[in-house]
C-alpha atoms as a PDB file:
ATOM      1  CA  MET A   1      85.439 118.823 137.259  1.00  0.00           C
ATOM      2  CA  THR A   2      82.473 116.769 136.165  1.00  0.00           C
ATOM      3  CA  GLY A   3      80.362 117.809 133.203  1.00  0.00           C
ATOM      4  CA  LEU A   4      78.504 116.795 130.110  1.00  0.00           C
ATOM      5  CA  ARG A   5      80.334 119.007 127.630  1.00  0.00           C
ATOM      6  CA  THR A   6      83.989 119.385 127.679  1.00  0.00           C
ATOM      7  CA  TYR A   7      86.468 120.626 125.053  1.00  0.00           C
ATOM      8  CA  GLY A   8      89.136 118.191 125.479  1.00  0.00           C
ATOM      9  CA  ASP A   9      91.910 120.036 124.372  1.00  0.00           C
ATOM     10  CA  PRO A  10      94.819 120.537 126.535  1.00  0.00           C
ATOM     11  CA  CYS A  11      94.661 124.267 125.413  1.00  0.00           C
ATOM     12  CA  GLY A  12      94.619 126.587 128.964  1.00  0.00           C
ATOM     13  CA  ILE A  13      92.063 128.775 127.458  1.00  0.00           C
ATOM     14  CA  ALA A  14      89.882 125.468 126.951  1.00  0.00           C
ATOM     15  CA  LYS A  15      90.559 123.963 130.316  1.00  0.00           C
ATOM     16  CA  ALA A  16      89.442 126.995 131.942  1.00  0.00           C
ATOM     17  CA  LEU A  17      86.229 127.634 129.881  1.00  0.00           C
ATOM     18  CA  ASP A  18      85.344 124.073 131.070  1.00  0.00           C
ATOM     19  CA  ALA A  19      85.942 125.036 134.445  1.00  0.00           C
ATOM     20  CA  ILE A  20      84.190 128.468 134.526  1.00  0.00           C
ATOM     21  CA  GLY A  21      81.570 127.078 132.124  1.00  0.00           C
ATOM     22  CA  GLU A  22      80.151 124.431 134.852  1.00  0.00           C
ATOM     23  CA  ARG A  23      76.583 125.482 136.458  1.00  0.00           C
ATOM     24  CA  TRP A  24      77.180 128.170 139.164  1.00  0.00           C
ATOM     25  CA  ALA A  25      80.780 128.236 139.091  1.00  0.00           C
ATOM     26  CA  LEU A  26      80.692 131.542 136.737  1.00  0.00           C
ATOM     27  CA  LEU A  27      78.168 133.020 139.228  1.00  0.00           C
ATOM     28  CA  ILE A  28      80.490 132.367 141.776  1.00  0.00           C
ATOM     29  CA  VAL A  29      83.392 133.907 140.143  1.00  0.00           C
ATOM     30  CA  ARG A  30      81.500 137.050 139.769  1.00  0.00           C
ATOM     31  CA  GLU A  31      80.666 136.949 143.394  1.00  0.00           C
ATOM     32  CA  LEU A  32      84.622 136.438 144.645  1.00  0.00           C
ATOM     33  CA  ALA A  33      85.435 139.179 141.729  1.00  0.00           C
ATOM     34  CA  TYR A  34      84.386 141.994 144.089  1.00  0.00           C
ATOM     35  CA  GLY A  35      86.624 140.746 146.861  1.00  0.00           C
ATOM     36  CA  PRO A  36      86.687 137.901 149.063  1.00  0.00           C
ATOM     37  CA  ARG A  37      83.713 136.527 150.693  1.00  0.00           C
ATOM     38  CA  ARG A  38      82.567 134.262 153.789  1.00  0.00           C
ATOM     39  CA  PHE A  39      80.736 131.354 152.837  1.00  0.00           C
ATOM     40  CA  THR A  40      77.511 132.501 154.259  1.00  0.00           C
ATOM     41  CA  ASP A  41      77.951 135.672 151.963  1.00  0.00           C
ATOM     42  CA  LEU A  42      77.996 133.461 148.870  1.00  0.00           C
ATOM     43  CA  ARG A  43      74.859 131.644 149.573  1.00  0.00           C
ATOM     44  CA  ALA A  44      73.080 134.771 150.471  1.00  0.00           C
ATOM     45  CA  ALA A  45      74.325 136.532 146.930  1.00  0.00           C
ATOM     46  CA  LEU A  46      73.676 133.232 145.328  1.00  0.00           C
ATOM     47  CA  GLY A  47      70.622 131.766 146.985  1.00  0.00           C
ATOM     48  CA  ALA A  48      72.578 128.256 146.437  1.00  0.00           C
ATOM     49  CA  SER A  49      71.999 125.138 149.274  1.00  0.00           C
ATOM     50  CA  PRO A  50      74.880 124.640 151.113  1.00  0.00           C
ATOM     51  CA  ASN A  51      75.826 121.131 149.713  1.00  0.00           C
ATOM     52  CA  VAL A  52      75.590 122.893 146.231  1.00  0.00           C
ATOM     53  CA  LEU A  53      77.582 125.868 146.995  1.00  0.00           C
ATOM     54  CA  SER A  54      80.056 123.693 148.708  1.00  0.00           C
ATOM     55  CA  GLN A  55      80.234 121.137 145.878  1.00  0.00           C
ATOM     56  CA  ARG A  56      81.193 123.885 143.171  1.00  0.00           C
ATOM     57  CA  LEU A  57      83.365 125.490 145.666  1.00  0.00           C
ATOM     58  CA  ARG A  58      85.666 122.149 145.871  1.00  0.00           C
ATOM     59  CA  GLU A  59      85.170 121.572 142.085  1.00  0.00           C
ATOM     60  CA  LEU A  60      86.751 125.423 141.371  1.00  0.00           C
ATOM     61  CA  GLU A  61      89.406 124.613 143.586  1.00  0.00           C
ATOM     62  CA  ALA A  62      90.007 121.101 142.176  1.00  0.00           C
ATOM     63  CA  ALA A  63      90.490 123.142 138.708  1.00  0.00           C
ATOM     64  CA  VAL A  64      92.482 125.623 139.761  1.00  0.00           C
ATOM     65  CA  VAL A  65      95.271 123.201 141.680  1.00  0.00           C
END
């Protein structure tokens, strides 16, 4: 994930905070905490543009893998 701030620590918790701390990431996680959502449902709930939402979802996926 690209970001201006990072903990740069090998600790799992610090790495998770790097991923979740990104803009939009926590809002996406909040929406997905209610259960699986379609892309269009996430877009409607967050009011994000398709490009921004796609980018954030890719970044979250890359952080998990």
